[in-house]
Amino acid sequence: MLYSLLIVNIILCVACPLVGVFCFVKGYNLKAEKLAEKPIRISLPKESPEVDERLQTLMANIDAYDGTGKGQVEIK
């Protein structure tokens, strides 16, 4: 029984590094090329005065908040 554990241990000591190297080589492709890669475009919505007013009102409400409705302005 001790010999079978020794044999399994030796096999695993050899197999685990080999599997690790094999997976590294498969995952790390040295000849990888970026084909048909397009630049990322970020389109931000254009700011309108209405949105800016609502944001300013919201920020003022946050600053004036004291746990009650006093000092709060209705957002339209």
PDB file of N, CA and C in Angstrom:
ATOM      1  N   MET A   1       0.822  -1.192   0.000  1.00  0.00           N
ATOM      2  CA  MET A   1       0.000   0.000   0.000  1.00  0.00           C
ATOM      3  C   MET A   1       0.867   1.257   0.000  1.00  0.00           C
ATOM      4  N   LEU A   2       1.949   1.233   0.735  1.00  0.00           N
ATOM      5  CA  LEU A   2       2.837   2.393   0.781  1.00  0.00           C
ATOM      6  C   LEU A   2       3.480   2.631  -0.575  1.00  0.00           C
ATOM      7  N   TYR A   3       3.748   1.542  -1.299  1.00  0.00           N
ATOM      8  CA  TYR A   3       4.365   1.688  -2.610  1.00  0.00           C
ATOM      9  C   TYR A   3       3.407   2.348  -3.597  1.00  0.00           C
ATOM     10  N   SER A   4       2.132   2.047  -3.495  1.00  0.00           N
ATOM     11  CA  SER A   4       1.172   2.658  -4.419  1.00  0.00           C
ATOM     12  C   SER A   4       1.056   4.159  -4.153  1.00  0.00           C
ATOM     13  N   LEU A   5       1.097   4.561  -2.883  1.00  0.00           N
ATOM     14  CA  LEU A   5       1.069   5.997  -2.575  1.00  0.00           C
ATOM     15  C   LEU A   5       2.327   6.688  -3.076  1.00  0.00           C
ATOM     16  N   LEU A   6       3.456   6.034  -2.967  1.00  0.00           N
ATOM     17  CA  LEU A   6       4.715   6.588  -3.457  1.00  0.00           C
ATOM     18  C   LEU A   6       4.686   6.747  -4.971  1.00  0.00           C
ATOM     19  N   ILE A   7       4.169   5.752  -5.669  1.00  0.00           N
ATOM     20  CA  ILE A   7       4.090   5.813  -7.133  1.00  0.00           C
ATOM     21  C   ILE A   7       3.144   6.931  -7.580  1.00  0.00           C
ATOM     22  N   VAL A   8       1.993   7.042  -6.922  1.00  0.00           N
ATOM     23  CA  VAL A   8       1.040   8.103  -7.263  1.00  0.00           C
ATOM     24  C   VAL A   8       1.663   9.464  -7.005  1.00  0.00           C
ATOM     25  N   ASN A   9       2.388   9.608  -5.912  1.00  0.00           N
ATOM     26  CA  ASN A   9       3.030  10.878  -5.576  1.00  0.00           C
ATOM     27  C   ASN A   9       4.081  11.244  -6.622  1.00  0.00           C
ATOM     28  N   ILE A  10       4.866  10.292  -7.054  1.00  0.00           N
ATOM     29  CA  ILE A  10       5.885  10.558  -8.083  1.00  0.00           C
ATOM     30  C   ILE A  10       5.233  10.943  -9.401  1.00  0.00           C
ATOM     31  N   ILE A  11       4.165  10.240  -9.775  1.00  0.00           N
ATOM     32  CA  ILE A  11       3.465  10.567 -11.022  1.00  0.00           C
ATOM     33  C   ILE A  11       2.898  11.982 -10.966  1.00  0.00           C
ATOM     34  N   LEU A  12       2.285  12.353  -9.833  1.00  0.00           N
ATOM     35  CA  LEU A  12       1.730  13.696  -9.714  1.00  0.00           C
ATOM     36  C   LEU A  12       2.816  14.764  -9.696  1.00  0.00           C
ATOM     37  N   CYS A  13       3.952  14.471  -9.108  1.00  0.00           N
ATOM     38  CA  CYS A  13       5.060  15.435  -9.081  1.00  0.00           C
ATOM     39  C   CYS A  13       5.616  15.697 -10.469  1.00  0.00           C
ATOM     40  N   VAL A  14       5.487  14.751 -11.346  1.00  0.00           N
ATOM     41  CA  VAL A  14       5.955  14.922 -12.721  1.00  0.00           C
ATOM     42  C   VAL A  14       4.842  15.509 -13.589  1.00  0.00           C
ATOM     43  N   ALA A  15       3.622  15.052 -13.380  1.00  0.00           N
ATOM     44  CA  ALA A  15       2.509  15.439 -14.251  1.00  0.00           C
ATOM     45  C   ALA A  15       2.057  16.885 -14.016  1.00  0.00           C
ATOM     46  N   CYS A  16       2.021  17.326 -12.771  1.00  0.00           N
ATOM     47  CA  CYS A  16       1.514  18.685 -12.494  1.00  0.00           C
ATOM     48  C   CYS A  16       2.340  19.782 -13.164  1.00  0.00           C
ATOM     49  N   PRO A  17       3.673  19.776 -13.072  1.00  0.00           N
ATOM     50  CA  PRO A  17       4.433  20.810 -13.799  1.00  0.00           C
ATOM     51  C   PRO A  17       4.278  20.703 -15.314  1.00  0.00           C
ATOM     52  N   LEU A  18       4.188  19.480 -15.837  1.00  0.00           N
ATOM     53  CA  LEU A  18       3.999  19.329 -17.275  1.00  0.00           C
ATOM     54  C   LEU A  18       2.659  19.891 -17.730  1.00  0.00           C
ATOM     55  N   VAL A  19       1.629  19.634 -16.964  1.00  0.00           N
ATOM     56  CA  VAL A  19       0.309  20.190 -17.290  1.00  0.00           C
ATOM     57  C   VAL A  19       0.340  21.711 -17.184  1.00  0.00           C
ATOM     58  N   GLY A  20       1.035  22.238 -16.189  1.00  0.00           N
ATOM     59  CA  GLY A  20       1.144  23.689 -16.038  1.00  0.00           C
ATOM     60  C   GLY A  20       1.844  24.339 -17.214  1.00  0.00           C
ATOM     61  N   VAL A  21       2.953  23.749 -17.662  1.00  0.00           N
ATOM     62  CA  VAL A  21       3.687  24.280 -18.822  1.00  0.00           C
ATOM     63  C   VAL A  21       2.839  24.158 -20.081  1.00  0.00           C
ATOM     64  N   PHE A  22       2.162  23.033 -20.247  1.00  0.00           N
ATOM     65  CA  PHE A  22       1.310  22.852 -21.418  1.00  0.00           C
ATOM     66  C   PHE A  22       0.205  23.912 -21.461  1.00  0.00           C
ATOM     67  N   CYS A  23      -0.450  24.161 -20.323  1.00  0.00           N
ATOM     68  CA  CYS A  23      -1.527  25.158 -20.276  1.00  0.00           C
ATOM     69  C   CYS A  23      -0.987  26.564 -20.515  1.00  0.00           C
ATOM     70  N   PHE A  24       0.207  26.852 -20.011  1.00  0.00           N
ATOM     71  CA  PHE A  24       0.805  28.167 -20.241  1.00  0.00           C
ATOM     72  C   PHE A  24       1.078  28.382 -21.719  1.00  0.00           C
ATOM     73  N   VAL A  25       1.647  27.374 -22.376  1.00  0.00           N
ATOM     74  CA  VAL A  25       1.962  27.493 -23.802  1.00  0.00           C
ATOM     75  C   VAL A  25       0.688  27.648 -24.614  1.00  0.00           C
ATOM     76  N   LYS A  26      -0.357  26.913 -24.264  1.00  0.00           N
ATOM     77  CA  LYS A  26      -1.616  27.033 -25.001  1.00  0.00           C
ATOM     78  C   LYS A  26      -2.275  28.391 -24.772  1.00  0.00           C
ATOM     79  N   GLY A  27      -2.196  28.905 -23.558  1.00  0.00           N
ATOM     80  CA  GLY A  27      -2.856  30.163 -23.247  1.00  0.00           C
ATOM     81  C   GLY A  27      -2.089  31.382 -23.700  1.00  0.00           C
ATOM     82  N   TYR A  28      -0.785  31.275 -23.736  1.00  0.00           N
ATOM     83  CA  TYR A  28       0.056  32.407 -24.101  1.00  0.00           C
ATOM     84  C   TYR A  28       0.538  32.210 -25.525  1.00  0.00           C
ATOM     85  N   ASN A  29      -0.180  32.746 -26.440  1.00  0.00           N
ATOM     86  CA  ASN A  29       0.131  32.579 -27.852  1.00  0.00           C
ATOM     87  C   ASN A  29       1.123  33.661 -28.260  1.00  0.00           C
ATOM     88  N   LEU A  30       2.359  33.273 -28.529  1.00  0.00           N
ATOM     89  CA  LEU A  30       3.392  34.255 -28.867  1.00  0.00           C
ATOM     90  C   LEU A  30       3.172  34.880 -30.238  1.00  0.00           C
ATOM     91  N   LYS A  31       2.449  34.206 -31.103  1.00  0.00           N
ATOM     92  CA  LYS A  31       2.225  34.725 -32.448  1.00  0.00           C
ATOM     93  C   LYS A  31       0.854  35.383 -32.575  1.00  0.00           C
ATOM     94  N   ALA A  32       0.300  35.840 -31.482  1.00  0.00           N
ATOM     95  CA  ALA A  32      -1.033  36.439 -31.524  1.00  0.00           C
ATOM     96  C   ALA A  32      -0.978  37.779 -32.249  1.00  0.00           C
ATOM     97  N   GLU A  33      -1.923  38.002 -33.092  1.00  0.00           N
ATOM     98  CA  GLU A  33      -2.037  39.257 -33.819  1.00  0.00           C
ATOM     99  C   GLU A  33      -3.419  39.836 -33.569  1.00  0.00           C
ATOM    100  N   LYS A  34      -3.467  41.134 -33.482  1.00  0.00           N
ATOM    101  CA  LYS A  34      -4.752  41.794 -33.284  1.00  0.00           C
ATOM    102  C   LYS A  34      -5.336  42.090 -34.655  1.00  0.00           C
ATOM    103  N   LEU A  35      -6.290  41.286 -35.040  1.00  0.00           N
ATOM    104  CA  LEU A  35      -6.909  41.438 -36.347  1.00  0.00           C
ATOM    105  C   LEU A  35      -8.243  42.160 -36.223  1.00  0.00           C
ATOM    106  N   ALA A  36      -8.450  43.108 -37.091  1.00  0.00           N
ATOM    107  CA  ALA A  36      -9.712  43.847 -37.193  1.00  0.00           C
ATOM    108  C   ALA A  36     -10.100  44.484 -35.868  1.00  0.00           C
ATOM    109  N   GLU A  37      -9.130  45.026 -35.172  1.00  0.00           N
ATOM    110  CA  GLU A  37      -9.439  45.695 -33.909  1.00  0.00           C
ATOM    111  C   GLU A  37      -9.826  47.138 -34.214  1.00  0.00           C
ATOM    112  N   LYS A  38     -10.959  47.529 -33.716  1.00  0.00           N
ATOM    113  CA  LYS A  38     -11.455  48.872 -33.959  1.00  0.00           C
ATOM    114  C   LYS A  38     -11.281  49.701 -32.691  1.00  0.00           C
ATOM    115  N   PRO A  39     -10.969  50.967 -32.838  1.00  0.00           N
ATOM    116  CA  PRO A  39     -10.844  51.807 -31.642  1.00  0.00           C
ATOM    117  C   PRO A  39     -12.201  51.993 -30.968  1.00  0.00           C
ATOM    118  N   ILE A  40     -12.176  52.104 -29.672  1.00  0.00           N
ATOM    119  CA  ILE A  40     -13.406  52.279 -28.903  1.00  0.00           C
ATOM    120  C   ILE A  40     -13.820  53.739 -28.954  1.00  0.00           C
ATOM    121  N   ARG A  41     -15.055  53.959 -29.293  1.00  0.00           N
ATOM    122  CA  ARG A  41     -15.588  55.326 -29.328  1.00  0.00           C
ATOM    123  C   ARG A  41     -16.560  55.499 -28.184  1.00  0.00           C
ATOM    124  N   ILE A  42     -16.370  56.553 -27.444  1.00  0.00           N
ATOM    125  CA  ILE A  42     -17.262  56.855 -26.333  1.00  0.00           C
ATOM    126  C   ILE A  42     -18.114  58.042 -26.746  1.00  0.00           C
ATOM    127  N   SER A  43     -19.409  57.824 -26.763  1.00  0.00           N
ATOM    128  CA  SER A  43     -20.304  58.910 -27.131  1.00  0.00           C
ATOM    129  C   SER A  43     -21.039  59.385 -25.882  1.00  0.00           C
ATOM    130  N   LEU A  44     -20.716  60.574 -25.477  1.00  0.00           N
ATOM    131  CA  LEU A  44     -21.363  61.170 -24.325  1.00  0.00           C
ATOM    132  C   LEU A  44     -22.544  62.014 -24.793  1.00  0.00           C
ATOM    133  N   PRO A  45     -23.621  61.997 -24.051  1.00  0.00           N
ATOM    134  CA  PRO A  45     -24.747  62.840 -24.461  1.00  0.00           C
ATOM    135  C   PRO A  45     -24.381  64.310 -24.308  1.00  0.00           C
ATOM    136  N   LYS A  46     -24.879  65.086 -25.243  1.00  0.00           N
ATOM    137  CA  LYS A  46     -24.602  66.519 -25.176  1.00  0.00           C
ATOM    138  C   LYS A  46     -25.382  67.133 -24.025  1.00  0.00           C
ATOM    139  N   GLU A  47     -24.709  67.985 -23.318  1.00  0.00           N
ATOM    140  CA  GLU A  47     -25.351  68.601 -22.160  1.00  0.00           C
ATOM    141  C   GLU A  47     -26.342  69.672 -22.614  1.00  0.00           C
ATOM    142  N   SER A  48     -27.481  69.651 -21.992  1.00  0.00           N
ATOM    143  CA  SER A  48     -28.468  70.679 -22.266  1.00  0.00           C
ATOM    144  C   SER A  48     -28.652  71.493 -20.990  1.00  0.00           C
ATOM    145  N   PRO A  49     -29.127  72.723 -21.112  1.00  0.00           N
ATOM    146  CA  PRO A  49     -29.320  73.548 -19.920  1.00  0.00           C
ATOM    147  C   PRO A  49     -30.310  72.926 -18.943  1.00  0.00           C
ATOM    148  N   GLU A  50     -31.308  72.182 -19.456  1.00  0.00           N
ATOM    149  CA  GLU A  50     -32.301  71.564 -18.586  1.00  0.00           C
ATOM    150  C   GLU A  50     -31.663  70.482 -17.704  1.00  0.00           C
ATOM    151  N   VAL A  51     -30.822  69.676 -18.288  1.00  0.00           N
ATOM    152  CA  VAL A  51     -30.150  68.633 -17.529  1.00  0.00           C
ATOM    153  C   VAL A  51     -29.222  69.262 -16.503  1.00  0.00           C
ATOM    154  N   ASP A  52     -28.540  70.309 -16.886  1.00  0.00           N
ATOM    155  CA  ASP A  52     -27.626  70.990 -15.977  1.00  0.00           C
ATOM    156  C   ASP A  52     -28.398  71.611 -14.812  1.00  0.00           C
ATOM    157  N   GLU A  53     -29.570  72.181 -15.094  1.00  0.00           N
ATOM    158  CA  GLU A  53     -30.398  72.759 -14.023  1.00  0.00           C
ATOM    159  C   GLU A  53     -30.870  71.680 -13.059  1.00  0.00           C
ATOM    160  N   ARG A  54     -31.303  70.555 -13.607  1.00  0.00           N
ATOM    161  CA  ARG A  54     -31.772  69.463 -12.755  1.00  0.00           C
ATOM    162  C   ARG A  54     -30.632  68.937 -11.887  1.00  0.00           C
ATOM    163  N   LEU A  55     -29.451  68.838 -12.449  1.00  0.00           N
ATOM    164  CA  LEU A  55     -28.302  68.358 -11.691  1.00  0.00           C
ATOM    165  C   LEU A  55     -27.938  69.341 -10.584  1.00  0.00           C
ATOM    166  N   GLN A  56     -27.959  70.622 -10.901  1.00  0.00           N
ATOM    167  CA  GLN A  56     -27.642  71.633  -9.890  1.00  0.00           C
ATOM    168  C   GLN A  56     -28.676  71.623  -8.764  1.00  0.00           C
ATOM    169  N   THR A  57     -29.946  71.450  -9.116  1.00  0.00           N
ATOM    170  CA  THR A  57     -30.995  71.386  -8.111  1.00  0.00           C
ATOM    171  C   THR A  57     -30.820  70.151  -7.228  1.00  0.00           C
ATOM    172  N   LEU A  58     -30.498  69.041  -7.850  1.00  0.00           N
ATOM    173  CA  LEU A  58     -30.263  67.820  -7.102  1.00  0.00           C
ATOM    174  C   LEU A  58     -29.087  67.970  -6.144  1.00  0.00           C
ATOM    175  N   MET A  59     -28.004  68.554  -6.608  1.00  0.00           N
ATOM    176  CA  MET A  59     -26.838  68.747  -5.749  1.00  0.00           C
ATOM    177  C   MET A  59     -27.155  69.710  -4.609  1.00  0.00           C
ATOM    178  N   ALA A  60     -27.951  70.738  -4.881  1.00  0.00           N
ATOM    179  CA  ALA A  60     -28.349  71.669  -3.825  1.00  0.00           C
ATOM    180  C   ALA A  60     -29.230  70.968  -2.799  1.00  0.00           C
ATOM    181  N   ASN A  61     -30.116  70.074  -3.255  1.00  0.00           N
ATOM    182  CA  ASN A  61     -30.960  69.311  -2.331  1.00  0.00           C
ATOM    183  C   ASN A  61     -30.115  68.387  -1.452  1.00  0.00           C
ATOM    184  N   ILE A  62     -29.089  67.802  -2.027  1.00  0.00           N
ATOM    185  CA  ILE A  62     -28.214  66.926  -1.249  1.00  0.00           C
ATOM    186  C   ILE A  62     -27.479  67.726  -0.182  1.00  0.00           C
ATOM    187  N   ASP A  63     -26.995  68.901  -0.566  1.00  0.00           N
ATOM    188  CA  ASP A  63     -26.271  69.737   0.397  1.00  0.00           C
ATOM    189  C   ASP A  63     -27.181  70.245   1.513  1.00  0.00           C
ATOM    190  N   ALA A  64     -28.455  70.518   1.185  1.00  0.00           N
ATOM    191  CA  ALA A  64     -29.362  71.100   2.169  1.00  0.00           C
ATOM    192  C   ALA A  64     -30.095  70.041   3.001  1.00  0.00           C
ATOM    193  N   TYR A  65     -29.871  68.765   2.742  1.00  0.00           N
ATOM    194  CA  TYR A  65     -30.617  67.710   3.434  1.00  0.00           C
ATOM    195  C   TYR A  65     -30.213  67.637   4.900  1.00  0.00           C
ATOM    196  N   ASP A  66     -31.239  67.676   5.781  1.00  0.00           N
ATOM    197  CA  ASP A  66     -30.974  67.560   7.222  1.00  0.00           C
ATOM    198  C   ASP A  66     -31.874  66.520   7.875  1.00  0.00           C
ATOM    199  N   GLY A  67     -32.494  65.662   7.096  1.00  0.00           N
ATOM    200  CA  GLY A  67     -33.372  64.628   7.630  1.00  0.00           C
ATOM    201  C   GLY A  67     -34.830  64.985   7.509  1.00  0.00           C
ATOM    202  N   THR A  68     -35.129  66.203   7.145  1.00  0.00           N
ATOM    203  CA  THR A  68     -36.513  66.640   6.976  1.00  0.00           C
ATOM    204  C   THR A  68     -36.675  67.160   5.542  1.00  0.00           C
ATOM    205  N   GLY A  69     -37.882  67.540   5.229  1.00  0.00           N
ATOM    206  CA  GLY A  69     -38.144  68.083   3.897  1.00  0.00           C
ATOM    207  C   GLY A  69     -37.863  69.571   3.813  1.00  0.00           C
ATOM    208  N   LYS A  70     -37.429  70.156   4.903  1.00  0.00           N
ATOM    209  CA  LYS A  70     -37.194  71.592   4.931  1.00  0.00           C
ATOM    210  C   LYS A  70     -35.952  71.927   4.085  1.00  0.00           C
ATOM    211  N   GLY A  71     -36.095  72.918   3.243  1.00  0.00           N
ATOM    212  CA  GLY A  71     -34.972  73.358   2.402  1.00  0.00           C
ATOM    213  C   GLY A  71     -34.831  72.591   1.102  1.00  0.00           C
ATOM    214  N   GLN A  72     -35.729  71.641   0.858  1.00  0.00           N
ATOM    215  CA  GLN A  72     -35.648  70.864  -0.368  1.00  0.00           C
ATOM    216  C   GLN A  72     -36.456  71.527  -1.471  1.00  0.00           C
ATOM    217  N   VAL A  73     -35.959  71.466  -2.682  1.00  0.00           N
ATOM    218  CA  VAL A  73     -36.613  72.077  -3.832  1.00  0.00           C
ATOM    219  C   VAL A  73     -37.105  70.943  -4.724  1.00  0.00           C
ATOM    220  N   GLU A  74     -38.308  71.096  -5.271  1.00  0.00           N
ATOM    221  CA  GLU A  74     -38.894  70.112  -6.162  1.00  0.00           C
ATOM    222  C   GLU A  74     -38.109  70.061  -7.477  1.00  0.00           C
ATOM    223  N   ILE A  75     -37.771  68.858  -7.910  1.00  0.00           N
ATOM    224  CA  ILE A  75     -37.082  68.679  -9.193  1.00  0.00           C
ATOM    225  C   ILE A  75     -38.122  68.399 -10.244  1.00  0.00           C
ATOM    226  N   LYS A  76     -38.094  69.165 -11.316  1.00  0.00           N
ATOM    227  CA  LYS A  76     -39.097  69.044 -12.374  1.00  0.00           C
ATOM    228  C   LYS A  76     -38.691  68.038 -13.400  1.00  0.00           C
TER     229      LYS A  76
END
